[in-house]
Amino acid sequence: MKNINLFCFGFGQVAESFVNKLSLENIKLKLSITSREKTSQKKINQISYNNFNLEDDRFDAKLIDELKKSDHILISIPPVNGTDIVIKNFSKIIKKCNPKWITYLSATSVYGDHDGEWVNEKSKTQPTSKNGKERLIAEKNWISLFDEEKIPIQIFRLSGIYSNKNNPLTRLKSGNANIIKKVNHFFSRIHVEDIANVLFKSIYNFKPNEIYNISDDKPASSEEVMLYAVKVLNIKEPKRINVKDIQSEMLKNFYKDSKKVSNKKMKNFFNYNLKFPTYVEGLNNIRNNFT
């Protein structure tokens, strides 16, 4: 049994799924996390853990002792007002705590728009959105830490995440989904369980200063995925909206970019076969087990 002392900056669906995977694999885990909640003791899968308050530049100083003891660090906090608060507040500590494994969760928004063509880890990064631009700056800051201090950092560029709780089926059932029409709009997605599985693989097969796209095998349009979800649920199609009529600024930014994200490097390096290679398997599994 492997022993891991894991510190998670942020504890959203990816970090939680990763901890669940570690638990399933009988890893002996000492866990600390940060969140915006008050510092407290909590439990997940019979694992007691420390939840330390971290909100922008304010944090519980007690977390520093636990961070220094950690040998694995997962960073899933997005930039706050353009600043990576983990780099800003904790980079000096991380340099001294001698971790074996650090993973920064970025996003494929760093690629920007590639007119529906394939992108890989060597493709040009030309982000169009605020989120993508901030993510790219954060990536460069983490890579600089490797260049300066040789800290063991890898970067995962995550495609659009879906899960048993957050997916087109649940949005359709709640009445909060539309079919957006835009010609030649492709984007990639990934089930949260596959992210957790690759994170687990990387514990045993780690190469510092590497970037990996984490995506499934089938980039598709939002329209294609939503129409399949309608078919799975056997319900009436929701309203169709032209992309130019979208009101949400965040959603408008999403439809600016069209690209197909290659996962070849991820699959080859980690020798990983996706549990959900396309949205078809993913949505069918959700329908059969969680709806």
Protein backbone atom coordinates (compact mmCIF):
# COMPACT_ATOMS: atom_id res chain seq x y z
CA MET A 1 0.00 0.00 0.00
CA LYS A 2 1.34 3.40 -0.99
CA ASN A 3 1.26 6.26 1.51
CA ILE A 4 0.44 9.71 0.15
CA ASN A 5 0.30 13.05 1.94
CA LEU A 6 -1.89 15.08 -0.42
CA PHE A 7 -2.55 18.81 -0.28
CA CYS A 8 -5.34 20.08 -2.55
CA PHE A 9 -5.60 23.78 -3.30
CA GLY A 10 -9.31 23.83 -4.01
CA PHE A 11 -11.63 20.85 -3.68
CA GLY A 12 -14.03 20.85 -6.60
CA GLN A 13 -15.33 17.90 -8.59
CA VAL A 14 -11.93 16.92 -10.03
CA ALA A 15 -10.08 16.91 -6.70
CA GLU A 16 -12.93 15.05 -5.01
CA SER A 17 -13.04 12.46 -7.78
CA PHE A 18 -9.26 12.02 -7.49
CA VAL A 19 -9.54 11.41 -3.75
CA ASN A 20 -12.32 8.88 -4.41
CA LYS A 21 -10.04 7.08 -6.86
CA LEU A 22 -7.19 6.99 -4.33
CA SER A 23 -9.58 5.54 -1.77
CA LEU A 24 -10.76 2.85 -4.20
CA GLU A 25 -7.13 1.92 -4.88
CA ASN A 26 -6.51 1.46 -1.13
CA ILE A 27 -4.00 4.29 -0.94
CA LYS A 28 -3.20 5.26 2.64
CA LEU A 29 -4.03 8.95 2.39
CA LYS A 30 -3.33 11.93 4.61
CA LEU A 31 -5.39 14.74 3.13
CA SER A 32 -5.55 18.52 3.55
CA ILE A 33 -7.52 20.89 1.35
CA THR A 34 -8.40 24.56 1.01
CA SER A 35 -11.81 26.09 0.45
CA ARG A 36 -13.63 29.35 1.08
CA GLU A 37 -15.34 27.77 4.09
CA LYS A 38 -14.16 28.22 7.65
CA THR A 39 -11.32 25.96 8.77
CA SER A 40 -12.74 22.66 10.00
CA GLN A 41 -12.30 18.91 10.18
CA LYS A 42 -14.27 16.95 7.59
CA LYS A 43 -14.61 13.41 6.29
CA ILE A 44 -14.83 11.79 2.84
CA ASN A 45 -14.91 8.01 2.28
CA GLN A 46 -14.03 7.50 5.94
CA ILE A 47 -10.96 9.71 5.47
CA SER A 48 -10.75 12.55 7.97
CA TYR A 49 -9.12 15.63 6.53
CA ASN A 50 -8.27 19.24 7.30
CA ASN A 51 -10.22 21.90 5.46
CA PHE A 52 -8.32 25.21 5.67
CA ASN A 53 -9.85 28.54 4.82
CA LEU A 54 -8.33 30.24 1.77
CA GLU A 55 -10.06 33.21 0.20
CA ASP A 56 -8.10 35.33 -2.26
CA ASP A 57 -5.07 36.53 -0.24
CA ARG A 58 -6.55 35.66 3.16
CA PHE A 59 -5.86 32.23 4.56
CA ASP A 60 -5.53 30.25 7.77
CA ALA A 61 -1.81 30.26 8.56
CA LYS A 62 -2.13 26.77 10.04
CA LEU A 63 -2.27 25.36 6.51
CA ILE A 64 1.43 26.18 6.03
CA ASP A 65 2.55 23.41 8.39
CA GLU A 66 0.45 20.84 6.54
CA LEU A 67 1.64 22.12 3.16
CA LYS A 68 5.26 21.69 4.25
CA LYS A 69 4.57 18.04 5.13
CA SER A 70 2.88 17.21 1.84
CA ASP A 71 4.54 15.11 -0.84
CA HIS A 72 1.77 15.50 -3.47
CA ILE A 73 0.13 18.83 -4.33
CA LEU A 74 -2.89 19.35 -6.60
CA ILE A 75 -3.77 22.89 -7.69
CA SER A 76 -7.28 23.35 -9.08
CA ILE A 77 -7.94 26.96 -8.09
CA PRO A 78 -8.37 29.18 -11.18
CA PRO A 79 -6.72 32.60 -11.29
CA VAL A 80 -8.45 35.22 -9.13
CA ASN A 81 -8.66 38.63 -10.80
CA GLY A 82 -5.85 37.58 -13.12
CA THR A 83 -3.57 36.31 -10.34
CA ASP A 84 -2.67 32.76 -9.41
CA ILE A 85 -3.13 33.02 -5.64
CA VAL A 86 -1.23 29.77 -4.99
CA ILE A 87 1.87 31.05 -6.79
CA LYS A 88 1.51 34.45 -5.13
CA ASN A 89 1.07 33.25 -1.56
CA PHE A 90 2.74 29.85 -1.38
CA SER A 91 5.45 29.47 -4.03
CA LYS A 92 8.27 30.10 -1.52
CA ILE A 93 6.85 27.44 0.80
CA ILE A 94 6.34 24.94 -2.02
CA LYS A 95 9.99 25.38 -3.03
CA LYS A 96 11.04 24.29 0.46
CA CYS A 97 8.64 21.42 1.10
CA ASN A 98 10.32 19.00 -1.33
CA PRO A 99 7.20 17.52 -2.97
CA LYS A 100 7.42 14.48 -5.26
CA TRP A 101 4.47 15.46 -7.47
CA ILE A 102 2.72 18.74 -8.28
CA THR A 103 -0.11 18.97 -10.77
CA TYR A 104 -1.61 22.23 -11.97
CA LEU A 105 -5.05 21.90 -13.56
CA SER A 106 -5.29 24.29 -16.48
CA ALA A 107 -7.77 24.37 -19.36
CA THR A 108 -7.77 23.92 -23.13
CA SER A 109 -9.07 27.50 -23.40
CA VAL A 110 -5.37 28.46 -23.58
CA TYR A 111 -5.40 27.36 -27.25
CA GLY A 112 -8.04 29.85 -28.30
CA ASP A 113 -9.64 29.51 -31.72
CA HIS A 114 -8.17 27.14 -34.32
CA ASP A 115 -11.07 27.15 -36.82
CA GLY A 116 -12.15 23.63 -35.92
CA GLU A 117 -8.72 22.10 -36.55
CA TRP A 118 -6.85 19.68 -34.27
CA VAL A 119 -4.55 21.04 -31.58
CA ASN A 120 -1.91 19.25 -29.51
CA GLU A 121 0.46 20.31 -26.75
CA LYS A 122 2.81 21.93 -29.28
CA SER A 123 0.10 23.99 -30.99
CA LYS A 124 0.06 27.75 -30.77
CA THR A 125 -1.59 29.17 -27.67
CA GLN A 126 -3.69 32.17 -28.67
CA PRO A 127 -6.42 32.48 -26.03
CA THR A 128 -9.36 34.73 -26.83
CA SER A 129 -11.16 34.60 -23.47
CA LYS A 130 -10.19 36.23 -20.18
CA ASN A 131 -10.11 32.79 -18.58
CA GLY A 132 -7.82 31.40 -21.27
CA LYS A 133 -5.41 34.33 -21.06
CA GLU A 134 -5.19 34.09 -17.27
CA ARG A 135 -4.71 30.33 -17.39
CA LEU A 136 -1.84 30.70 -19.85
CA ILE A 137 -0.08 33.23 -17.61
CA ALA A 138 -0.50 30.87 -14.64
CA GLU A 139 0.95 27.98 -16.66
CA LYS A 140 4.00 30.05 -17.54
CA ASN A 141 4.49 30.98 -13.89
CA TRP A 142 4.45 27.33 -12.84
CA ILE A 143 6.87 26.40 -15.61
CA SER A 144 9.16 29.22 -14.44
CA LEU A 145 9.21 27.61 -10.98
CA PHE A 146 10.46 24.42 -12.59
CA ASP A 147 13.11 26.33 -14.55
CA GLU A 148 14.30 28.13 -11.42
CA GLU A 149 13.93 25.47 -8.72
CA LYS A 150 13.33 22.19 -10.58
CA ILE A 151 10.15 21.57 -8.64
CA PRO A 152 8.31 18.51 -10.04
CA ILE A 153 5.39 20.16 -11.87
CA GLN A 154 3.12 18.78 -14.58
CA ILE A 155 0.25 20.65 -16.23
CA PHE A 156 -3.05 19.08 -17.24
CA ARG A 157 -5.04 21.08 -19.79
CA LEU A 158 -8.60 19.94 -19.15
CA SER A 159 -11.29 19.95 -21.81
CA GLY A 160 -14.92 20.63 -20.93
CA ILE A 161 -15.68 18.56 -17.83
CA TYR A 162 -18.89 16.60 -17.36
CA SER A 163 -19.86 14.28 -14.54
CA ASN A 164 -22.72 12.28 -13.09
CA LYS A 165 -24.08 15.48 -11.53
CA ASN A 166 -23.24 18.05 -14.21
CA ASN A 167 -24.06 16.96 -17.76
CA PRO A 168 -26.45 17.57 -20.67
CA LEU A 169 -28.97 15.06 -19.33
CA THR A 170 -29.42 16.85 -16.01
CA ARG A 171 -29.60 20.23 -17.77
CA LEU A 172 -32.29 18.96 -20.14
CA LYS A 173 -34.31 17.46 -17.29
CA SER A 174 -34.13 20.70 -15.33
CA GLY A 175 -35.26 22.75 -18.34
CA ASN A 176 -32.02 24.75 -18.38
CA ALA A 177 -30.74 23.62 -21.78
CA ASN A 178 -31.02 24.95 -25.31
CA ILE A 179 -29.60 23.75 -28.59
CA ILE A 180 -27.09 26.30 -29.85
CA LYS A 181 -26.56 26.42 -33.60
CA LYS A 182 -23.16 27.40 -34.95
CA VAL A 183 -21.54 26.06 -38.10
CA ASN A 184 -18.13 24.34 -37.69
CA HIS A 185 -18.04 24.66 -33.92
CA PHE A 186 -16.12 21.83 -32.28
CA PHE A 187 -15.02 21.39 -28.71
CA SER A 188 -13.66 18.52 -26.65
CA ARG A 189 -14.89 17.17 -23.36
CA ILE A 190 -13.79 14.73 -20.66
CA HIS A 191 -15.59 12.79 -17.94
CA VAL A 192 -14.38 13.66 -14.45
CA GLU A 193 -13.66 9.98 -13.70
CA ASP A 194 -11.21 9.83 -16.59
CA ILE A 195 -9.41 12.89 -15.21
CA ALA A 196 -9.14 11.19 -11.82
CA ASN A 197 -7.86 7.99 -13.42
CA VAL A 198 -5.13 9.84 -15.33
CA LEU A 199 -4.12 11.74 -12.19
CA PHE A 200 -3.79 8.39 -10.43
CA LYS A 201 -1.72 6.97 -13.30
CA SER A 202 0.58 9.98 -13.11
CA ILE A 203 1.53 9.22 -9.50
CA TYR A 204 3.38 6.16 -10.74
CA ASN A 205 4.48 7.55 -14.09
CA PHE A 206 5.58 11.14 -13.61
CA LYS A 207 7.78 13.31 -15.79
CA PRO A 208 8.35 16.89 -14.60
CA ASN A 209 7.85 19.96 -16.79
CA GLU A 210 5.35 18.28 -19.10
CA ILE A 211 1.96 19.42 -20.38
CA TYR A 212 -0.86 17.01 -21.27
CA ASN A 213 -4.22 17.56 -22.91
CA ILE A 214 -6.89 15.66 -20.99
CA SER A 215 -9.75 15.03 -23.38
CA ASP A 216 -11.78 12.18 -24.84
CA ASP A 217 -11.59 10.76 -28.38
CA LYS A 218 -14.49 12.56 -30.02
CA PRO A 219 -14.63 16.35 -30.31
CA ALA A 220 -18.13 17.38 -31.32
CA SER A 221 -20.44 20.35 -31.56
CA SER A 222 -22.70 21.33 -28.69
CA GLU A 223 -25.64 20.68 -31.00
CA GLU A 224 -24.53 17.10 -31.72
CA VAL A 225 -24.09 16.27 -28.04
CA MET A 226 -27.37 17.85 -27.00
CA LEU A 227 -29.32 16.06 -29.74
CA TYR A 228 -27.87 12.77 -28.56
CA ALA A 229 -28.87 13.60 -24.98
CA VAL A 230 -32.42 14.33 -26.20
CA LYS A 231 -32.46 10.92 -27.90
CA VAL A 232 -31.18 9.17 -24.76
CA LEU A 233 -33.94 10.72 -22.64
CA ASN A 234 -36.54 10.31 -25.39
CA ILE A 235 -37.87 13.82 -24.84
CA LYS A 236 -38.86 16.74 -27.00
CA GLU A 237 -36.05 18.93 -28.33
CA PRO A 238 -35.49 22.14 -26.36
CA LYS A 239 -35.48 25.54 -27.99
CA ARG A 240 -32.90 26.14 -30.72
CA ILE A 241 -30.93 29.38 -30.44
CA ASN A 242 -28.62 30.96 -32.98
CA VAL A 243 -25.21 31.73 -31.53
CA LYS A 244 -25.61 35.44 -32.28
CA ASP A 245 -28.69 35.57 -30.02
CA ILE A 246 -26.92 34.25 -26.90
CA GLN A 247 -27.30 36.64 -23.96
CA SER A 248 -24.69 35.22 -21.58
CA GLU A 249 -21.25 36.78 -22.05
CA MET A 250 -19.56 33.62 -20.71
CA LEU A 251 -21.43 31.45 -23.20
CA LYS A 252 -20.62 33.86 -26.03
CA ASN A 253 -16.93 33.52 -25.21
CA PHE A 254 -17.23 29.75 -25.27
CA TYR A 255 -18.57 29.80 -28.83
CA LYS A 256 -15.77 32.06 -30.06
CA ASP A 257 -13.36 29.12 -30.05
CA SER A 258 -13.55 26.04 -32.25
CA LYS A 259 -10.94 23.30 -31.98
CA LYS A 260 -10.46 19.55 -31.66
CA VAL A 261 -8.13 18.66 -28.80
CA SER A 262 -5.78 15.71 -29.33
CA ASN A 263 -5.30 13.31 -26.41
CA LYS A 264 -2.59 11.17 -28.05
CA LYS A 265 0.20 12.30 -25.71
CA MET A 266 -1.92 11.56 -22.62
CA LYS A 267 -2.94 8.10 -23.78
CA ASN A 268 0.53 7.12 -24.95
CA PHE A 269 2.53 8.39 -21.97
CA PHE A 270 0.20 7.10 -19.27
CA ASN A 271 -0.77 3.97 -21.24
CA TYR A 272 -4.38 4.82 -20.51
CA ASN A 273 -7.57 3.59 -22.14
CA LEU A 274 -10.42 6.00 -21.50
CA LYS A 275 -13.31 4.69 -19.44
CA PHE A 276 -15.59 7.00 -21.44
CA PRO A 277 -13.93 7.46 -24.86
CA THR A 278 -16.80 9.61 -26.19
CA TYR A 279 -19.87 11.42 -24.94
CA VAL A 280 -21.94 8.42 -26.11
CA GLU A 281 -20.49 6.06 -23.50
CA GLY A 282 -20.47 8.79 -20.88
CA LEU A 283 -24.10 9.84 -21.30
CA ASN A 284 -25.32 6.25 -21.58
CA ASN A 285 -23.58 5.41 -18.31
CA ILE A 286 -25.15 8.42 -16.60
CA ARG A 287 -28.60 7.52 -17.93
CA ASN A 288 -28.32 3.89 -16.82
CA ASN A 289 -26.94 4.58 -13.35
CA PHE A 290 -27.72 8.11 -12.20
CA THR A 291 -30.98 9.35 -13.78
